Amino acid sequence: RKNGDVYILHPIRVALILILEAGHKDTDSICVALLHDVIEDTTISANEINDKFGANILNLVENLSIKQKEPFADYMRRVYESGEVTVLIKFCDRLDNARDMLLVAAGQPAFVKDQIAKIETYFLPYSVKNLPYFEKELLYNISEAHKILDYGKHSG
């Protein structure tokens, strides 16, 4: 990960956000939160997920996996069309990524600006009406990232 963490910490944090912050404790959803990046970021195949966890889990994981060369707008449209659980897990994922961006903001300003733009374009409009907790948390992290980026402009 960009912040230096080992891969597995991100899916664990996403599952914890789902459970502790979103209050969603459905076993299948927790499993999907733990597996949400497996297809994109590991050598584990969709067939292996299907064999070990079943078609429903695989379907949700695939809905959360961006396809190679898929424009982000198309990916997010697919996520929003995939149902409430998929959307909730994607917001947990984005919240963890937003928290991570604070750790790398000073050293990777272009990456952080891209993350902020994605949050503002694809996540905040939906969260205002549907997920106010995530709206508040994402806005807080954007604000903190801007402070770090602005500090970098003046400190050097």
N, C-alpha and C. Protein backbone atom coordinates (compact mmCIF):
# COMPACT_ATOMS: atom_id res chain seq x y z
N ARG A 1 0.84 -1.19 0.00
CA ARG A 1 0.00 0.00 0.00
C ARG A 1 0.88 1.24 0.00
N LYS A 2 0.32 2.33 -0.48
CA LYS A 2 1.10 3.57 -0.59
C LYS A 2 1.63 4.07 0.74
N ASN A 3 0.94 3.72 1.84
CA ASN A 3 1.40 4.19 3.15
C ASN A 3 2.41 3.23 3.79
N GLY A 4 2.76 2.15 3.08
CA GLY A 4 3.74 1.21 3.59
C GLY A 4 3.16 0.00 4.31
N ASP A 5 1.83 0.00 4.54
CA ASP A 5 1.20 -1.13 5.22
C ASP A 5 1.21 -2.37 4.35
N VAL A 6 1.19 -3.53 4.98
CA VAL A 6 1.02 -4.77 4.24
C VAL A 6 -0.42 -4.84 3.73
N TYR A 7 -0.61 -5.55 2.65
CA TYR A 7 -1.90 -5.61 1.95
C TYR A 7 -3.08 -5.92 2.88
N ILE A 8 -2.96 -6.93 3.72
CA ILE A 8 -4.10 -7.45 4.48
C ILE A 8 -4.70 -6.44 5.46
N LEU A 9 -3.90 -5.46 5.88
CA LEU A 9 -4.43 -4.49 6.84
C LEU A 9 -5.58 -3.67 6.27
N HIS A 10 -5.52 -3.35 4.99
CA HIS A 10 -6.60 -2.57 4.38
C HIS A 10 -7.93 -3.32 4.41
N PRO A 11 -8.00 -4.57 3.91
CA PRO A 11 -9.30 -5.27 3.99
C PRO A 11 -9.80 -5.47 5.42
N ILE A 12 -8.89 -5.67 6.35
CA ILE A 12 -9.31 -5.80 7.75
C ILE A 12 -9.91 -4.48 8.24
N ARG A 13 -9.27 -3.37 7.91
CA ARG A 13 -9.81 -2.06 8.32
C ARG A 13 -11.16 -1.80 7.66
N VAL A 14 -11.31 -2.18 6.40
CA VAL A 14 -12.59 -2.00 5.71
C VAL A 14 -13.68 -2.81 6.43
N ALA A 15 -13.38 -4.04 6.78
CA ALA A 15 -14.35 -4.86 7.52
C ALA A 15 -14.68 -4.24 8.88
N LEU A 16 -13.67 -3.70 9.55
CA LEU A 16 -13.91 -3.06 10.85
C LEU A 16 -14.77 -1.80 10.71
N ILE A 17 -14.54 -1.01 9.66
CA ILE A 17 -15.39 0.15 9.41
C ILE A 17 -16.82 -0.30 9.18
N LEU A 18 -16.98 -1.35 8.40
CA LEU A 18 -18.32 -1.89 8.12
C LEU A 18 -19.02 -2.29 9.42
N ILE A 19 -18.31 -2.97 10.28
CA ILE A 19 -18.90 -3.48 11.53
C ILE A 19 -19.06 -2.37 12.58
N LEU A 20 -17.98 -1.67 12.86
CA LEU A 20 -17.96 -0.74 14.00
C LEU A 20 -18.54 0.64 13.70
N GLU A 21 -18.35 1.10 12.47
CA GLU A 21 -18.81 2.45 12.15
C GLU A 21 -20.14 2.45 11.39
N ALA A 22 -20.33 1.47 10.50
CA ALA A 22 -21.59 1.39 9.76
C ALA A 22 -22.60 0.50 10.46
N GLY A 23 -22.14 -0.28 11.46
CA GLY A 23 -23.04 -1.13 12.21
C GLY A 23 -23.62 -2.29 11.41
N HIS A 24 -22.91 -2.70 10.38
CA HIS A 24 -23.39 -3.76 9.49
C HIS A 24 -22.64 -5.04 9.83
N LYS A 25 -23.35 -6.02 10.35
CA LYS A 25 -22.69 -7.22 10.89
C LYS A 25 -23.07 -8.50 10.18
N ASP A 26 -23.63 -8.39 9.00
CA ASP A 26 -23.98 -9.56 8.21
C ASP A 26 -22.71 -10.31 7.80
N THR A 27 -22.69 -11.60 8.04
CA THR A 27 -21.50 -12.42 7.80
C THR A 27 -21.02 -12.35 6.36
N ASP A 28 -21.95 -12.46 5.40
CA ASP A 28 -21.55 -12.39 3.99
C ASP A 28 -20.92 -11.04 3.66
N SER A 29 -21.49 -9.97 4.18
CA SER A 29 -20.95 -8.64 3.91
C SER A 29 -19.54 -8.48 4.50
N ILE A 30 -19.34 -9.01 5.68
CA ILE A 30 -18.01 -8.95 6.29
C ILE A 30 -17.02 -9.74 5.45
N CYS A 31 -17.42 -10.89 4.99
CA CYS A 31 -16.58 -11.70 4.11
C CYS A 31 -16.22 -10.93 2.84
N VAL A 32 -17.20 -10.28 2.24
CA VAL A 32 -16.95 -9.50 1.03
C VAL A 32 -16.01 -8.33 1.33
N ALA A 33 -16.20 -7.68 2.45
CA ALA A 33 -15.30 -6.58 2.82
C ALA A 33 -13.86 -7.07 2.92
N LEU A 34 -13.69 -8.25 3.46
CA LEU A 34 -12.34 -8.82 3.58
C LEU A 34 -11.76 -9.23 2.23
N LEU A 35 -12.62 -9.56 1.29
CA LEU A 35 -12.17 -10.04 -0.02
C LEU A 35 -12.27 -8.99 -1.13
N HIS A 36 -12.72 -7.78 -0.82
CA HIS A 36 -13.11 -6.83 -1.86
C HIS A 36 -12.00 -6.50 -2.87
N ASP A 37 -10.75 -6.55 -2.50
CA ASP A 37 -9.66 -6.22 -3.42
C ASP A 37 -8.88 -7.44 -3.91
N VAL A 38 -9.31 -8.63 -3.53
CA VAL A 38 -8.54 -9.84 -3.83
C VAL A 38 -8.34 -10.04 -5.33
N ILE A 39 -9.39 -9.86 -6.12
CA ILE A 39 -9.28 -10.09 -7.56
C ILE A 39 -8.32 -9.08 -8.19
N GLU A 40 -8.38 -7.83 -7.74
CA GLU A 40 -7.52 -6.78 -8.29
C GLU A 40 -6.06 -6.90 -7.84
N ASP A 41 -5.86 -7.25 -6.58
CA ASP A 41 -4.54 -7.07 -5.96
C ASP A 41 -3.78 -8.34 -5.63
N THR A 42 -4.33 -9.50 -5.94
CA THR A 42 -3.64 -10.75 -5.63
C THR A 42 -3.72 -11.70 -6.82
N THR A 43 -3.13 -12.86 -6.66
CA THR A 43 -3.20 -13.87 -7.72
C THR A 43 -4.38 -14.82 -7.54
N ILE A 44 -5.21 -14.57 -6.54
CA ILE A 44 -6.39 -15.41 -6.31
C ILE A 44 -7.42 -15.13 -7.40
N SER A 45 -7.93 -16.18 -7.98
CA SER A 45 -8.86 -16.04 -9.11
C SER A 45 -10.32 -16.00 -8.64
N ALA A 46 -11.17 -15.57 -9.55
CA ALA A 46 -12.61 -15.59 -9.29
C ALA A 46 -13.08 -17.02 -9.04
N ASN A 47 -12.53 -17.97 -9.78
CA ASN A 47 -12.91 -19.38 -9.57
C ASN A 47 -12.59 -19.84 -8.16
N GLU A 48 -11.43 -19.43 -7.64
CA GLU A 48 -11.06 -19.82 -6.28
C GLU A 48 -12.02 -19.22 -5.25
N ILE A 49 -12.40 -17.97 -5.45
CA ILE A 49 -13.36 -17.34 -4.55
C ILE A 49 -14.69 -18.08 -4.62
N ASN A 50 -15.13 -18.40 -5.82
CA ASN A 50 -16.38 -19.13 -5.99
C ASN A 50 -16.32 -20.49 -5.29
N ASP A 51 -15.20 -21.20 -5.47
CA ASP A 51 -15.06 -22.53 -4.87
C ASP A 51 -15.07 -22.47 -3.34
N LYS A 52 -14.44 -21.45 -2.77
CA LYS A 52 -14.31 -21.37 -1.31
C LYS A 52 -15.48 -20.66 -0.63
N PHE A 53 -16.10 -19.70 -1.33
CA PHE A 53 -17.11 -18.86 -0.67
C PHE A 53 -18.47 -18.84 -1.34
N GLY A 54 -18.55 -19.34 -2.57
CA GLY A 54 -19.84 -19.41 -3.26
C GLY A 54 -20.07 -18.27 -4.23
N ALA A 55 -21.10 -18.47 -5.05
CA ALA A 55 -21.41 -17.53 -6.14
C ALA A 55 -21.86 -16.16 -5.63
N ASN A 56 -22.60 -16.12 -4.54
CA ASN A 56 -23.07 -14.82 -4.02
C ASN A 56 -21.90 -13.94 -3.59
N ILE A 57 -20.98 -14.51 -2.84
CA ILE A 57 -19.80 -13.75 -2.40
C ILE A 57 -18.98 -13.32 -3.62
N LEU A 58 -18.78 -14.25 -4.55
CA LEU A 58 -18.02 -13.91 -5.75
C LEU A 58 -18.68 -12.77 -6.50
N ASN A 59 -19.99 -12.81 -6.66
CA ASN A 59 -20.69 -11.75 -7.37
C ASN A 59 -20.46 -10.39 -6.72
N LEU A 60 -20.56 -10.34 -5.40
CA LEU A 60 -20.34 -9.07 -4.70
C LEU A 60 -18.89 -8.60 -4.83
N VAL A 61 -17.95 -9.52 -4.71
CA VAL A 61 -16.54 -9.16 -4.86
C VAL A 61 -16.27 -8.65 -6.27
N GLU A 62 -16.83 -9.31 -7.26
CA GLU A 62 -16.64 -8.85 -8.65
C GLU A 62 -17.25 -7.48 -8.87
N ASN A 63 -18.39 -7.20 -8.22
CA ASN A 63 -19.00 -5.88 -8.34
C ASN A 63 -18.11 -4.79 -7.75
N LEU A 64 -17.28 -5.15 -6.79
CA LEU A 64 -16.38 -4.18 -6.16
C LEU A 64 -15.01 -4.11 -6.83
N SER A 65 -14.78 -4.94 -7.82
CA SER A 65 -13.48 -5.00 -8.48
C SER A 65 -13.51 -4.22 -9.78
N ILE A 66 -12.62 -3.24 -9.88
CA ILE A 66 -12.52 -2.48 -11.11
C ILE A 66 -11.82 -3.34 -12.16
N LYS A 67 -12.36 -3.33 -13.35
CA LYS A 67 -11.78 -4.14 -14.43
C LYS A 67 -10.64 -3.38 -15.09
N GLN A 68 -9.71 -4.11 -15.67
CA GLN A 68 -8.58 -3.47 -16.35
C GLN A 68 -9.11 -2.51 -17.40
N LYS A 69 -8.55 -1.31 -17.40
CA LYS A 69 -8.87 -0.25 -18.37
C LYS A 69 -10.31 0.26 -18.27
N GLU A 70 -11.03 -0.11 -17.20
CA GLU A 70 -12.40 0.39 -17.01
C GLU A 70 -12.32 1.82 -16.48
N PRO A 71 -12.96 2.75 -17.15
CA PRO A 71 -12.98 4.12 -16.62
C PRO A 71 -13.62 4.15 -15.23
N PHE A 72 -13.07 4.99 -14.35
CA PHE A 72 -13.56 5.03 -12.97
C PHE A 72 -15.05 5.38 -12.91
N ALA A 73 -15.51 6.25 -13.81
CA ALA A 73 -16.93 6.62 -13.82
C ALA A 73 -17.80 5.40 -14.13
N ASP A 74 -17.38 4.57 -15.06
CA ASP A 74 -18.13 3.36 -15.39
C ASP A 74 -18.13 2.38 -14.21
N TYR A 75 -16.97 2.27 -13.58
CA TYR A 75 -16.86 1.40 -12.41
C TYR A 75 -17.82 1.85 -11.31
N MET A 76 -17.82 3.13 -11.01
CA MET A 76 -18.69 3.62 -9.94
C MET A 76 -20.17 3.48 -10.30
N ARG A 77 -20.51 3.67 -11.57
CA ARG A 77 -21.89 3.46 -12.00
C ARG A 77 -22.29 1.99 -11.74
N ARG A 78 -21.38 1.08 -12.06
CA ARG A 78 -21.62 -0.34 -11.82
C ARG A 78 -21.79 -0.64 -10.33
N VAL A 79 -20.95 -0.02 -9.50
CA VAL A 79 -21.07 -0.21 -8.04
C VAL A 79 -22.44 0.27 -7.56
N TYR A 80 -22.84 1.47 -7.98
CA TYR A 80 -24.12 2.01 -7.52
C TYR A 80 -25.30 1.18 -8.01
N GLU A 81 -25.16 0.53 -9.15
CA GLU A 81 -26.23 -0.31 -9.68
C GLU A 81 -26.23 -1.71 -9.07
N SER A 82 -25.21 -2.03 -8.29
CA SER A 82 -25.04 -3.39 -7.76
C SER A 82 -25.75 -3.64 -6.44
N GLY A 83 -26.31 -2.62 -5.84
CA GLY A 83 -27.07 -2.83 -4.62
C GLY A 83 -26.46 -2.20 -3.39
N GLU A 84 -27.27 -2.15 -2.36
CA GLU A 84 -26.94 -1.45 -1.12
C GLU A 84 -25.68 -1.98 -0.43
N VAL A 85 -25.53 -3.29 -0.36
CA VAL A 85 -24.37 -3.86 0.33
C VAL A 85 -23.08 -3.50 -0.40
N THR A 86 -23.11 -3.61 -1.72
CA THR A 86 -21.93 -3.26 -2.51
C THR A 86 -21.56 -1.80 -2.29
N VAL A 87 -22.54 -0.94 -2.33
CA VAL A 87 -22.29 0.50 -2.13
C VAL A 87 -21.72 0.75 -0.73
N LEU A 88 -22.30 0.14 0.27
CA LEU A 88 -21.83 0.34 1.64
C LEU A 88 -20.37 -0.11 1.80
N ILE A 89 -20.04 -1.26 1.25
CA ILE A 89 -18.66 -1.74 1.36
C ILE A 89 -17.72 -0.82 0.57
N LYS A 90 -18.16 -0.33 -0.57
CA LYS A 90 -17.32 0.60 -1.33
C LYS A 90 -17.07 1.88 -0.53
N PHE A 91 -18.07 2.35 0.20
CA PHE A 91 -17.87 3.54 1.02
C PHE A 91 -16.92 3.25 2.19
N CYS A 92 -17.00 2.06 2.75
CA CYS A 92 -16.05 1.69 3.80
C CYS A 92 -14.64 1.66 3.24
N ASP A 93 -14.50 1.11 2.05
CA ASP A 93 -13.21 1.07 1.35
C ASP A 93 -12.69 2.49 1.10
N ARG A 94 -13.55 3.35 0.60
CA ARG A 94 -13.12 4.73 0.28
C ARG A 94 -12.78 5.49 1.55
N LEU A 95 -13.50 5.26 2.63
CA LEU A 95 -13.18 5.93 3.88
C LEU A 95 -11.81 5.51 4.38
N ASP A 96 -11.51 4.22 4.32
CA ASP A 96 -10.18 3.78 4.73
C ASP A 96 -9.11 4.39 3.81
N ASN A 97 -9.37 4.44 2.52
CA ASN A 97 -8.42 5.06 1.60
C ASN A 97 -8.25 6.55 1.90
N ALA A 98 -9.34 7.21 2.27
CA ALA A 98 -9.26 8.64 2.62
C ALA A 98 -8.42 8.85 3.87
N ARG A 99 -8.56 7.97 4.82
CA ARG A 99 -7.73 8.07 6.02
C ARG A 99 -6.27 7.79 5.69
N ASP A 100 -6.04 6.83 4.81
CA ASP A 100 -4.68 6.52 4.36
C ASP A 100 -4.03 7.70 3.65
N MET A 101 -4.83 8.44 2.88
CA MET A 101 -4.24 9.52 2.09
C MET A 101 -3.61 10.59 2.99
N LEU A 102 -4.07 10.70 4.22
CA LEU A 102 -3.47 11.66 5.14
C LEU A 102 -2.04 11.27 5.49
N LEU A 103 -1.76 9.98 5.47
CA LEU A 103 -0.42 9.50 5.80
C LEU A 103 0.58 9.74 4.68
N VAL A 104 0.08 9.89 3.46
CA VAL A 104 0.98 10.05 2.32
C VAL A 104 0.87 11.41 1.66
N ALA A 105 0.00 12.27 2.18
CA ALA A 105 -0.31 13.55 1.52
C ALA A 105 0.92 14.40 1.25
N ALA A 106 1.79 14.53 2.23
CA ALA A 106 2.95 15.40 2.07
C ALA A 106 3.89 14.90 0.98
N GLY A 107 4.04 13.60 0.87
CA GLY A 107 4.98 13.04 -0.09
C GLY A 107 4.40 12.69 -1.44
N GLN A 108 3.08 12.63 -1.55
CA GLN A 108 2.44 12.23 -2.80
C GLN A 108 1.25 13.14 -3.12
N PRO A 109 1.51 14.42 -3.31
CA PRO A 109 0.39 15.36 -3.50
C PRO A 109 -0.47 15.08 -4.72
N ALA A 110 0.10 14.63 -5.82
CA ALA A 110 -0.70 14.35 -7.02
C ALA A 110 -1.68 13.21 -6.76
N PHE A 111 -1.20 12.17 -6.09
CA PHE A 111 -2.06 11.03 -5.74
C PHE A 111 -3.20 11.50 -4.84
N VAL A 112 -2.89 12.31 -3.85
CA VAL A 112 -3.90 12.77 -2.90
C VAL A 112 -4.93 13.67 -3.60
N LYS A 113 -4.47 14.54 -4.48
CA LYS A 113 -5.41 15.39 -5.22
C LYS A 113 -6.35 14.55 -6.07
N ASP A 114 -5.84 13.48 -6.66
CA ASP A 114 -6.68 12.57 -7.44
C ASP A 114 -7.71 11.89 -6.54
N GLN A 115 -7.28 11.46 -5.36
CA GLN A 115 -8.20 10.82 -4.42
C GLN A 115 -9.30 11.79 -3.97
N ILE A 116 -8.92 13.03 -3.70
CA ILE A 116 -9.90 14.04 -3.30
C ILE A 116 -10.90 14.27 -4.42
N ALA A 117 -10.42 14.39 -5.65
CA ALA A 117 -11.31 14.61 -6.80
C ALA A 117 -12.31 13.46 -6.94
N LYS A 118 -11.85 12.23 -6.75
CA LYS A 118 -12.75 11.08 -6.85
C LYS A 118 -13.80 11.11 -5.74
N ILE A 119 -13.38 11.46 -4.54
CA ILE A 119 -14.34 11.54 -3.43
C ILE A 119 -15.39 12.61 -3.73
N GLU A 120 -14.93 13.77 -4.16
CA GLU A 120 -15.86 14.88 -4.43
C GLU A 120 -16.81 14.57 -5.58
N THR A 121 -16.33 13.87 -6.59
CA THR A 121 -17.14 13.59 -7.77
C THR A 121 -18.06 12.39 -7.59
N TYR A 122 -17.56 11.31 -7.01
CA TYR A 122 -18.29 10.05 -7.03
C TYR A 122 -18.89 9.63 -5.69
N PHE A 123 -18.40 10.19 -4.59
CA PHE A 123 -18.84 9.71 -3.28
C PHE A 123 -19.69 10.74 -2.53
N LEU A 124 -19.25 11.98 -2.49
CA LEU A 124 -19.99 12.97 -1.71
C LEU A 124 -21.41 13.20 -2.21
N PRO A 125 -21.66 13.30 -3.53
CA PRO A 125 -23.05 13.52 -3.96
C PRO A 125 -24.01 12.43 -3.48
N TYR A 126 -23.56 11.19 -3.47
CA TYR A 126 -24.40 10.08 -3.01
C TYR A 126 -24.54 10.10 -1.49
N SER A 127 -23.45 10.36 -0.81
CA SER A 127 -23.46 10.28 0.65
C SER A 127 -24.32 11.35 1.30
N VAL A 128 -24.45 12.50 0.66
CA VAL A 128 -25.26 13.59 1.21
C VAL A 128 -26.67 13.10 1.51
N LYS A 129 -27.24 12.35 0.58
CA LYS A 129 -28.62 11.87 0.74
C LYS A 129 -28.72 10.53 1.44
N ASN A 130 -27.73 9.69 1.24
CA ASN A 130 -27.88 8.29 1.62
C ASN A 130 -27.00 7.82 2.77
N LEU A 131 -25.84 8.40 2.94
CA LEU A 131 -24.90 7.93 3.95
C LEU A 131 -24.24 9.12 4.65
N PRO A 132 -25.01 9.85 5.47
CA PRO A 132 -24.49 11.07 6.07
C PRO A 132 -23.25 10.87 6.95
N TYR A 133 -23.13 9.72 7.59
CA TYR A 133 -21.93 9.45 8.39
C TYR A 133 -20.69 9.48 7.50
N PHE A 134 -20.79 8.84 6.34
CA PHE A 134 -19.66 8.80 5.42
C PHE A 134 -19.39 10.18 4.83
N GLU A 135 -20.43 10.95 4.58
CA GLU A 135 -20.24 12.32 4.10
C GLU A 135 -19.38 13.10 5.10
N LYS A 136 -19.76 13.03 6.37
CA LYS A 136 -19.03 13.77 7.41
C LYS A 136 -17.58 13.30 7.49
N GLU A 137 -17.36 12.00 7.51
CA GLU A 137 -16.01 11.46 7.62
C GLU A 137 -15.15 11.79 6.39
N LEU A 138 -15.73 11.67 5.22
CA LEU A 138 -14.98 11.98 4.00
C LEU A 138 -14.63 13.47 3.93
N LEU A 139 -15.58 14.32 4.28
CA LEU A 139 -15.30 15.76 4.29
C LEU A 139 -14.20 16.11 5.28
N TYR A 140 -14.21 15.48 6.43
CA TYR A 140 -13.16 15.70 7.42
C TYR A 140 -11.79 15.33 6.85
N ASN A 141 -11.71 14.18 6.21
CA ASN A 141 -10.43 13.73 5.67
C ASN A 141 -9.97 14.59 4.50
N ILE A 142 -10.89 15.06 3.69
CA ILE A 142 -10.53 15.99 2.61
C ILE A 142 -9.97 17.28 3.21
N SER A 143 -10.64 17.79 4.23
CA SER A 143 -10.19 19.01 4.89
C SER A 143 -8.78 18.85 5.46
N GLU A 144 -8.55 17.74 6.13
CA GLU A 144 -7.22 17.48 6.70
C GLU A 144 -6.16 17.31 5.60
N ALA A 145 -6.52 16.67 4.52
CA ALA A 145 -5.57 16.50 3.41
C ALA A 145 -5.22 17.86 2.80
N HIS A 146 -6.21 18.73 2.66
CA HIS A 146 -5.94 20.07 2.13
C HIS A 146 -4.98 20.84 3.05
N LYS A 147 -5.15 20.70 4.35
CA LYS A 147 -4.24 21.36 5.29
C LYS A 147 -2.81 20.88 5.08
N ILE A 148 -2.63 19.59 4.91
CA ILE A 148 -1.29 19.03 4.69
C ILE A 148 -0.73 19.51 3.36
N LEU A 149 -1.56 19.49 2.32
CA LEU A 149 -1.10 19.93 1.00
C LEU A 149 -0.75 21.42 1.02
N ASP A 150 -1.60 22.22 1.67
CA ASP A 150 -1.34 23.66 1.75
C ASP A 150 -0.09 23.95 2.58
N TYR A 151 0.13 23.19 3.66
CA TYR A 151 1.32 23.35 4.46
C TYR A 151 2.58 23.08 3.64
N GLY A 152 2.49 22.06 2.80
CA GLY A 152 3.62 21.72 1.94
C GLY A 152 3.99 22.84 0.97
N LYS A 153 2.99 23.60 0.54
CA LYS A 153 3.24 24.72 -0.38
C LYS A 153 4.02 25.83 0.31
N HIS A 154 3.79 25.99 1.62
CA HIS A 154 4.38 27.10 2.36
C HIS A 154 5.63 26.73 3.13
N SER A 155 6.00 25.47 3.12
CA SER A 155 7.10 25.06 3.98
C SER A 155 8.34 24.64 3.20
N GLY A 156 8.62 25.21 2.19
CA GLY A 156 9.77 24.64 1.65
C GLY A 156 10.51 25.27 0.64
